[in-house]
C-alpha atoms as a PDB file:
ATOM      1  CA  MET A   1     103.881  75.564 187.611  1.00  0.00           C
ATOM      2  CA  GLY A   2     106.123  77.805 185.479  1.00  0.00           C
ATOM      3  CA  SER A   3     109.591  76.827 184.452  1.00  0.00           C
ATOM      4  CA  GLU A   4     111.267  79.326 186.838  1.00  0.00           C
ATOM      5  CA  THR A   5     109.176  77.851 189.764  1.00  0.00           C
ATOM      6  CA  ARG A   6     109.997  74.272 188.787  1.00  0.00           C
ATOM      7  CA  GLU A   7     113.702  75.074 188.667  1.00  0.00           C
ATOM      8  CA  ALA A   8     113.513  76.858 192.040  1.00  0.00           C
ATOM      9  CA  VAL A   9     111.864  73.673 193.565  1.00  0.00           C
ATOM     10  CA  VAL A  10     114.581  71.425 192.191  1.00  0.00           C
ATOM     11  CA  LEU A  11     117.333  73.868 193.272  1.00  0.00           C
ATOM     12  CA  GLU A  12     115.902  73.978 196.765  1.00  0.00           C
ATOM     13  CA  PHE A  13     115.798  70.157 197.233  1.00  0.00           C
ATOM     14  CA  THR A  14     119.077  69.207 195.329  1.00  0.00           C
ATOM     15  CA  GLY A  15     121.153  72.346 195.264  1.00  0.00           C
ATOM     16  CA  VAL A  16     121.545  71.883 191.569  1.00  0.00           C
ATOM     17  CA  ALA A  17     119.361  73.363 188.842  1.00  0.00           C
ATOM     18  CA  PRO A  18     117.940  71.091 186.059  1.00  0.00           C
ATOM     19  CA  GLY A  19     120.533  70.362 183.314  1.00  0.00           C
ATOM     20  CA  LEU A  20     123.429  70.659 185.681  1.00  0.00           C
ATOM     21  CA  PHE A  21     125.282  68.275 187.964  1.00  0.00           C
ATOM     22  CA  ALA A  22     127.772  68.890 190.826  1.00  0.00           C
ATOM     23  CA  ASP A  23     130.998  66.897 191.035  1.00  0.00           C
ATOM     24  CA  ASP A  24     132.694  65.651 194.172  1.00  0.00           C
ATOM     25  CA  HIS A  25     134.089  69.207 194.635  1.00  0.00           C
ATOM     26  CA  HIS A  26     130.668  70.759 194.236  1.00  0.00           C
ATOM     27  CA  VAL A  27     131.591  72.318 190.921  1.00  0.00           C
ATOM     28  CA  ARG A  28     128.397  72.659 188.746  1.00  0.00           C
ATOM     29  CA  ARG A  29     128.556  71.708 185.070  1.00  0.00           C
ATOM     30  CA  CYS A  30     126.264  71.057 182.174  1.00  0.00           C
ATOM     31  CA  VAL A  31     124.988  67.469 182.694  1.00  0.00           C
ATOM     32  CA  TRP A  32     125.804  66.205 179.268  1.00  0.00           C
ATOM     33  CA  CYS A  33     129.485  66.142 180.164  1.00  0.00           C
ATOM     34  CA  ARG A  34     129.115  63.959 183.309  1.00  0.00           C
ATOM     35  CA  ALA A  35     130.306  60.694 181.724  1.00  0.00           C
ATOM     36  CA  THR A  36     134.074  61.051 181.908  1.00  0.00           C
ATOM     37  CA  HIS A  37     136.838  63.433 183.178  1.00  0.00           C
ATOM     38  CA  ALA A  38     137.885  63.830 179.475  1.00  0.00           C
ATOM     39  CA  TYR A  39     134.381  64.941 178.584  1.00  0.00           C
ATOM     40  CA  GLN A  40     134.430  67.519 181.480  1.00  0.00           C
ATOM     41  CA  HIS A  41     137.772  68.827 180.358  1.00  0.00           C
ATOM     42  CA  TYR A  42     136.455  69.355 176.949  1.00  0.00           C
ATOM     43  CA  HIS A  43     133.253  71.154 178.453  1.00  0.00           C
ATOM     44  CA  ASP A  44     135.388  73.221 180.681  1.00  0.00           C
ATOM     45  CA  ASN A  45     138.158  74.307 178.255  1.00  0.00           C
ATOM     46  CA  GLU A  46     136.891  74.092 174.675  1.00  0.00           C
ATOM     47  CA  TRP A  47     133.068  74.067 174.391  1.00  0.00           C
ATOM     48  CA  GLU A  48     131.586  77.532 173.703  1.00  0.00           C
ATOM     49  CA  PHE A  49     134.906  79.197 173.778  1.00  0.00           C
ATOM     50  CA  PRO A  50     135.369  81.419 170.680  1.00  0.00           C
ATOM     51  CA  VAL A  51     137.530  80.031 167.919  1.00  0.00           C
ATOM     52  CA  SER A  52     139.180  81.936 164.978  1.00  0.00           C
ATOM     53  CA  ASP A  53     141.726  79.314 163.998  1.00  0.00           C
ATOM     54  CA  ASP A  54     140.931  77.797 160.589  1.00  0.00           C
ATOM     55  CA  GLY A  55     142.475  74.554 161.335  1.00  0.00           C
ATOM     56  CA  ARG A  56     140.179  73.944 164.409  1.00  0.00           C
ATOM     57  CA  LEU A  57     137.212  75.241 162.536  1.00  0.00           C
ATOM     58  CA  PHE A  58     137.804  72.869 159.664  1.00  0.00           C
ATOM     59  CA  GLU A  59     138.459  69.939 162.035  1.00  0.00           C
ATOM     60  CA  LYS A  60     135.346  70.522 164.009  1.00  0.00           C
ATOM     61  CA  ILE A  61     132.982  70.831 160.977  1.00  0.00           C
ATOM     62  CA  CYS A  62     134.482  67.573 159.731  1.00  0.00           C
ATOM     63  CA  LEU A  63     134.065  65.876 163.096  1.00  0.00           C
ATOM     64  CA  GLU A  64     130.487  67.035 163.441  1.00  0.00           C
ATOM     65  CA  GLY A  65     129.785  65.351 160.157  1.00  0.00           C
ATOM     66  CA  PHE A  66     131.332  62.186 161.383  1.00  0.00           C
ATOM     67  CA  GLN A  67     129.237  62.519 164.607  1.00  0.00           C
ATOM     68  CA  ALA A  68     125.922  62.403 162.694  1.00  0.00           C
ATOM     69  CA  GLY A  69     123.888  59.564 164.306  1.00  0.00           C
ATOM     70  CA  LEU A  70     126.521  59.130 167.073  1.00  0.00           C
ATOM     71  CA  SER A  71     127.357  60.827 170.384  1.00  0.00           C
ATOM     72  CA  TRP A  72     130.138  63.556 170.566  1.00  0.00           C
ATOM     73  CA  LEU A  73     131.692  61.471 173.376  1.00  0.00           C
ATOM     74  CA  THR A  74     132.303  58.701 170.725  1.00  0.00           C
ATOM     75  CA  ILE A  75     134.045  61.245 168.383  1.00  0.00           C
ATOM     76  CA  LEU A  76     135.936  62.911 171.237  1.00  0.00           C
ATOM     77  CA  ASN A  77     137.396  59.607 172.305  1.00  0.00           C
ATOM     78  CA  LYS A  78     138.590  59.061 168.693  1.00  0.00           C
ATOM     79  CA  ARG A  79     139.709  62.642 167.928  1.00  0.00           C
ATOM     80  CA  GLU A  80     143.410  61.963 168.136  1.00  0.00           C
ATOM     81  CA  ALA A  81     142.989  58.928 165.910  1.00  0.00           C
ATOM     82  CA  PHE A  82     140.940  61.215 163.391  1.00  0.00           C
ATOM     83  CA  ARG A  83     143.784  63.870 163.541  1.00  0.00           C
ATOM     84  CA  GLN A  84     146.304  61.168 162.647  1.00  0.00           C
ATOM     85  CA  ALA A  85     144.218  59.693 159.871  1.00  0.00           C
ATOM     86  CA  PHE A  86     143.308  63.098 158.287  1.00  0.00           C
ATOM     87  CA  ALA A  87     146.762  64.786 158.314  1.00  0.00           C
ATOM     88  CA  GLY A  88     145.871  66.878 161.223  1.00  0.00           C
ATOM     89  CA  PHE A  89     142.831  68.201 159.409  1.00  0.00           C
ATOM     90  CA  ASP A  90     145.174  70.341 157.235  1.00  0.00           C
ATOM     91  CA  MET A  91     142.574  71.245 154.523  1.00  0.00           C
ATOM     92  CA  ASP A  92     145.280  71.597 151.840  1.00  0.00           C
ATOM     93  CA  ARG A  93     146.554  68.138 152.454  1.00  0.00           C
ATOM     94  CA  VAL A  94     142.971  66.522 152.866  1.00  0.00           C
ATOM     95  CA  ALA A  95     141.937  68.125 149.561  1.00  0.00           C
ATOM     96  CA  LYS A  96     144.667  66.047 147.936  1.00  0.00           C
ATOM     97  CA  PHE A  97     143.371  62.801 149.253  1.00  0.00           C
ATOM     98  CA  GLY A  98     142.414  60.161 146.653  1.00  0.00           C
ATOM     99  CA  GLU A  99     140.932  56.763 146.470  1.00  0.00           C
ATOM    100  CA  ALA A 100     143.886  55.211 148.076  1.00  0.00           C
ATOM    101  CA  ASP A 101     143.304  57.386 151.026  1.00  0.00           C
ATOM    102  CA  VAL A 102     139.650  56.474 151.004  1.00  0.00           C
ATOM    103  CA  LYS A 103     140.653  52.759 151.098  1.00  0.00           C
ATOM    104  CA  ARG A 104     143.186  53.396 153.952  1.00  0.00           C
ATOM    105  CA  LEU A 105     140.578  55.290 156.015  1.00  0.00           C
ATOM    106  CA  ILE A 106     138.020  52.566 155.559  1.00  0.00           C
ATOM    107  CA  LEU A 107     140.478  50.146 157.103  1.00  0.00           C
ATOM    108  CA  ASP A 108     141.282  52.446 160.052  1.00  0.00           C
ATOM    109  CA  ALA A 109     139.713  51.040 163.221  1.00  0.00           C
ATOM    110  CA  GLY A 110     140.582  54.200 165.082  1.00  0.00           C
ATOM    111  CA  ILE A 111     138.028  56.365 163.314  1.00  0.00           C
ATOM    112  CA  VAL A 112     134.439  56.031 162.259  1.00  0.00           C
ATOM    113  CA  ARG A 113     134.613  53.943 159.103  1.00  0.00           C
ATOM    114  CA  HIS A 114     131.747  55.413 157.107  1.00  0.00           C
ATOM    115  CA  ARG A 115     132.638  55.692 153.440  1.00  0.00           C
ATOM    116  CA  GLY A 116     130.132  58.502 152.765  1.00  0.00           C
ATOM    117  CA  LYS A 117     131.464  60.596 155.765  1.00  0.00           C
ATOM    118  CA  ILE A 118     135.028  60.054 154.650  1.00  0.00           C
ATOM    119  CA  ARG A 119     134.269  61.285 151.104  1.00  0.00           C
ATOM    120  CA  SER A 120     132.329  64.184 152.585  1.00  0.00           C
ATOM    121  CA  ALA A 121     135.453  65.303 154.618  1.00  0.00           C
ATOM    122  CA  ILE A 122     137.477  65.295 151.387  1.00  0.00           C
ATOM    123  CA  ASN A 123     134.848  67.076 149.441  1.00  0.00           C
ATOM    124  CA  ASN A 124     134.522  69.594 152.174  1.00  0.00           C
ATOM    125  CA  ALA A 125     138.258  70.234 152.223  1.00  0.00           C
ATOM    126  CA  HIS A 126     137.925  71.356 148.533  1.00  0.00           C
ATOM    127  CA  ARG A 127     134.919  73.501 149.504  1.00  0.00           C
ATOM    128  CA  ALA A 128     136.940  75.001 152.477  1.00  0.00           C
ATOM    129  CA  LEU A 129     139.685  76.057 150.115  1.00  0.00           C
ATOM    130  CA  GLU A 130     137.115  77.885 148.039  1.00  0.00           C
ATOM    131  CA  LEU A 131     135.743  79.655 151.095  1.00  0.00           C
ATOM    132  CA  ARG A 132     139.210  80.696 152.066  1.00  0.00           C
ATOM    133  CA  GLN A 133     139.881  82.098 148.590  1.00  0.00           C
ATOM    134  CA  GLU A 134     136.641  84.011 148.717  1.00  0.00           C
ATOM    135  CA  PHE A 135     136.745  85.373 152.317  1.00  0.00           C
ATOM    136  CA  GLY A 136     140.347  85.266 153.254  1.00  0.00           C
ATOM    137  CA  THR A 137     139.837  82.880 156.065  1.00  0.00           C
ATOM    138  CA  LEU A 138     137.200  80.269 157.164  1.00  0.00           C
ATOM    139  CA  ALA A 139     136.897  82.212 160.309  1.00  0.00           C
ATOM    140  CA  ALA A 140     135.791  85.338 158.473  1.00  0.00           C
ATOM    141  CA  TYR A 141     133.099  83.277 156.670  1.00  0.00           C
ATOM    142  CA  PHE A 142     131.720  81.352 159.717  1.00  0.00           C
ATOM    143  CA  TRP A 143     131.621  84.367 162.119  1.00  0.00           C
ATOM    144  CA  ARG A 144     129.232  86.166 159.718  1.00  0.00           C
ATOM    145  CA  PHE A 145     126.649  83.789 161.011  1.00  0.00           C
ATOM    146  CA  GLU A 146     127.098  84.599 164.695  1.00  0.00           C
ATOM    147  CA  PRO A 147     123.581  85.355 166.187  1.00  0.00           C
ATOM    148  CA  ALA A 148     122.917  88.790 167.342  1.00  0.00           C
ATOM    149  CA  PRO A 149     122.835  89.244 171.145  1.00  0.00           C
ATOM    150  CA  HIS A 150     119.190  90.235 171.193  1.00  0.00           C
ATOM    151  CA  ALA A 151     118.265  87.066 169.309  1.00  0.00           C
ATOM    152  CA  ARG A 152     119.537  84.850 172.097  1.00  0.00           C
ATOM    153  CA  PRO A 153     117.290  83.821 175.163  1.00  0.00           C
ATOM    154  CA  PRO A 154     117.856  86.044 178.184  1.00  0.00           C
ATOM    155  CA  GLN A 155     118.347  83.039 180.305  1.00  0.00           C
ATOM    156  CA  ILE A 156     120.031  79.698 179.195  1.00  0.00           C
ATOM    157  CA  THR A 157     118.298  77.075 181.331  1.00  0.00           C
ATOM    158  CA  GLY A 158     117.953  73.417 180.835  1.00  0.00           C
ATOM    159  CA  GLU A 159     114.371  73.779 179.724  1.00  0.00           C
ATOM    160  CA  VAL A 160     115.193  76.507 177.249  1.00  0.00           C
ATOM    161  CA  LEU A 161     118.132  74.653 175.750  1.00  0.00           C
ATOM    162  CA  SER A 162     116.098  71.434 175.400  1.00  0.00           C
ATOM    163  CA  GLY A 163     113.825  73.275 173.093  1.00  0.00           C
ATOM    164  CA  MET A 164     116.495  74.470 170.721  1.00  0.00           C
ATOM    165  CA  THR A 165     117.814  71.940 168.224  1.00  0.00           C
ATOM    166  CA  ILE A 166     118.525  74.535 165.545  1.00  0.00           C
ATOM    167  CA  LEU A 167     118.718  78.249 165.186  1.00  0.00           C
ATOM    168  CA  PRO A 168     117.792  80.532 162.290  1.00  0.00           C
ATOM    169  CA  GLU A 169     121.468  81.166 161.890  1.00  0.00           C
ATOM    170  CA  SER A 170     122.431  77.576 161.750  1.00  0.00           C
ATOM    171  CA  THR A 171     119.609  76.987 159.144  1.00  0.00           C
ATOM    172  CA  ALA A 172     121.005  79.971 157.105  1.00  0.00           C
ATOM    173  CA  LEU A 173     124.628  78.622 157.400  1.00  0.00           C
ATOM    174  CA  SER A 174     123.451  75.092 156.378  1.00  0.00           C
ATOM    175  CA  LYS A 175     121.685  76.530 153.394  1.00  0.00           C
ATOM    176  CA  ASP A 176     124.536  78.525 152.285  1.00  0.00           C
ATOM    177  CA  LEU A 177     127.054  75.693 152.641  1.00  0.00           C
ATOM    178  CA  ARG A 178     124.919  73.258 150.740  1.00  0.00           C
ATOM    179  CA  GLN A 179     124.627  75.759 147.942  1.00  0.00           C
ATOM    180  CA  ARG A 180     128.447  75.821 147.848  1.00  0.00           C
ATOM    181  CA  GLY A 181     128.632  72.023 147.641  1.00  0.00           C
ATOM    182  CA  TRP A 182     129.342  71.112 151.221  1.00  0.00           C
ATOM    183  CA  THR A 183     127.823  67.772 152.570  1.00  0.00           C
ATOM    184  CA  PHE A 184     126.873  66.601 156.064  1.00  0.00           C
ATOM    185  CA  VAL A 185     126.026  70.104 157.102  1.00  0.00           C
ATOM    186  CA  GLY A 186     122.481  70.091 158.157  1.00  0.00           C
ATOM    187  CA  PRO A 187     121.162  72.826 160.476  1.00  0.00           C
ATOM    188  CA  THR A 188     121.301  70.611 163.740  1.00  0.00           C
ATOM    189  CA  THR A 189     125.010  69.641 162.860  1.00  0.00           C
ATOM    190  CA  LEU A 190     125.795  73.308 162.380  1.00  0.00           C
ATOM    191  CA  TYR A 191     124.153  74.456 165.556  1.00  0.00           C
ATOM    192  CA  ALA A 192     126.352  72.014 167.332  1.00  0.00           C
ATOM    193  CA  PHE A 193     129.275  73.339 165.475  1.00  0.00           C
ATOM    194  CA  MET A 194     128.316  76.896 166.422  1.00  0.00           C
ATOM    195  CA  GLN A 195     128.133  75.934 170.044  1.00  0.00           C
ATOM    196  CA  ALA A 196     131.449  74.222 170.024  1.00  0.00           C
ATOM    197  CA  MET A 197     133.260  77.120 168.324  1.00  0.00           C
ATOM    198  CA  GLY A 198     131.752  79.718 170.579  1.00  0.00           C
ATOM    199  CA  LEU A 199     129.432  81.483 168.201  1.00  0.00           C
ATOM    200  CA  VAL A 200     126.922  81.115 170.910  1.00  0.00           C
ATOM    201  CA  ASN A 201     127.283  80.469 174.683  1.00  0.00           C
ATOM    202  CA  ASP A 202     124.937  77.647 175.742  1.00  0.00           C
ATOM    203  CA  HIS A 203     126.520  76.795 179.044  1.00  0.00           C
ATOM    204  CA  LEU A 204     123.578  76.782 181.388  1.00  0.00           C
ATOM    205  CA  GLN A 205     122.954  79.558 184.047  1.00  0.00           C
ATOM    206  CA  GLY A 206     124.879  78.193 187.038  1.00  0.00           C
ATOM    207  CA  CYS A 207     127.428  76.199 185.104  1.00  0.00           C
ATOM    208  CA  ALA A 208     130.963  77.041 186.398  1.00  0.00           C
ATOM    209  CA  ALA A 209     132.231  77.293 182.749  1.00  0.00           C
ATOM    210  CA  ARG A 210     129.693  79.820 181.633  1.00  0.00           C
ATOM    211  CA  ARG A 211     131.517  82.769 183.125  1.00  0.00           C
ATOM    212  CA  SER A 212     134.830  81.690 181.670  1.00  0.00           C
ATOM    213  CA  ALA A 213     133.307  81.338 178.147  1.00  0.00           C
ATOM    214  CA  THR A 214     131.567  84.695 178.591  1.00  0.00           C
ATOM    215  CA  GLN A 215     134.835  86.391 179.516  1.00  0.00           C
ATOM    216  CA  ALA A 216     136.653  84.746 176.628  1.00  0.00           C
ATOM    217  CA  ARG A 217     134.027  86.069 174.254  1.00  0.00           C
ATOM    218  CA  SER A 218     134.259  89.565 175.631  1.00  0.00           C
ATOM    219  CA  LEU A 219     137.971  89.642 174.845  1.00  0.00           C
ATOM    220  CA  PHE A 220     137.489  88.152 171.365  1.00  0.00           C
ATOM    221  CA  THR A 221     137.268  90.131 168.196  1.00  0.00           C
ATOM    222  CA  PRO A 222     135.374  88.340 165.474  1.00  0.00           C
ATOM    223  CA  PRO A 223     137.539  87.998 162.374  1.00  0.00           C
ATOM    224  CA  SER A 224     137.040  89.829 159.205  1.00  0.00           C
ATOM    225  CA  GLY A 225     138.398  89.055 155.860  1.00  0.00           C
ATOM    226  CA  LEU A 226     138.038  89.755 152.180  1.00  0.00           C
ATOM    227  CA  GLN A 227     134.667  90.932 151.019  1.00  0.00           C
ATOM    228  CA  ALA A 228     132.563  88.642 148.798  1.00  0.00           C
ATOM    229  CA  GLY A 229     131.963  89.890 145.277  1.00  0.00           C
END
């Protein structure tokens, strides 16, 4: 039985395609956000919506680093504490963090107290300032790695998405950032970053948020900045 046939059978008996769930109001969403209302709000209003704000981009790439080995829900529940601990993820301020800040953060029960990840966020703030100097904005740099439309699957189904843990573009971005001295930026981490910041739209077909994210992308102009070299 092919994937389309299997999905049709599930849809016929449940009314919901694989990878989706329906809430009490029959709104269909990607199943990964089912756990809490806060998770669903994040799914409906942030995930896959295009972002050009440097502060949000820097925050997300830091939080993706802290997520390594954990769930995004864990990080989302701690996001406000992270923002307080890391000066609102102002990269200029984080780049000035020293050993006293590392010790302070290690004692902060509101965040993930992992010394290597804390040092990574501080290091990456320095590297982010270098990117901003070279490209004008972080957004101008990151959006260079947006996958071309023809490179994306024609249908984003649960089965298709389960087979994609990295992209050629997330691998290329990971390689480039590592060469620039960034840490905790593996291809899987950066694919999750690209999803969250709207460089791809991986809401499943039939998800209520997919249309909103698609519309937001149609109105979005990818940022440009200074040319390298």
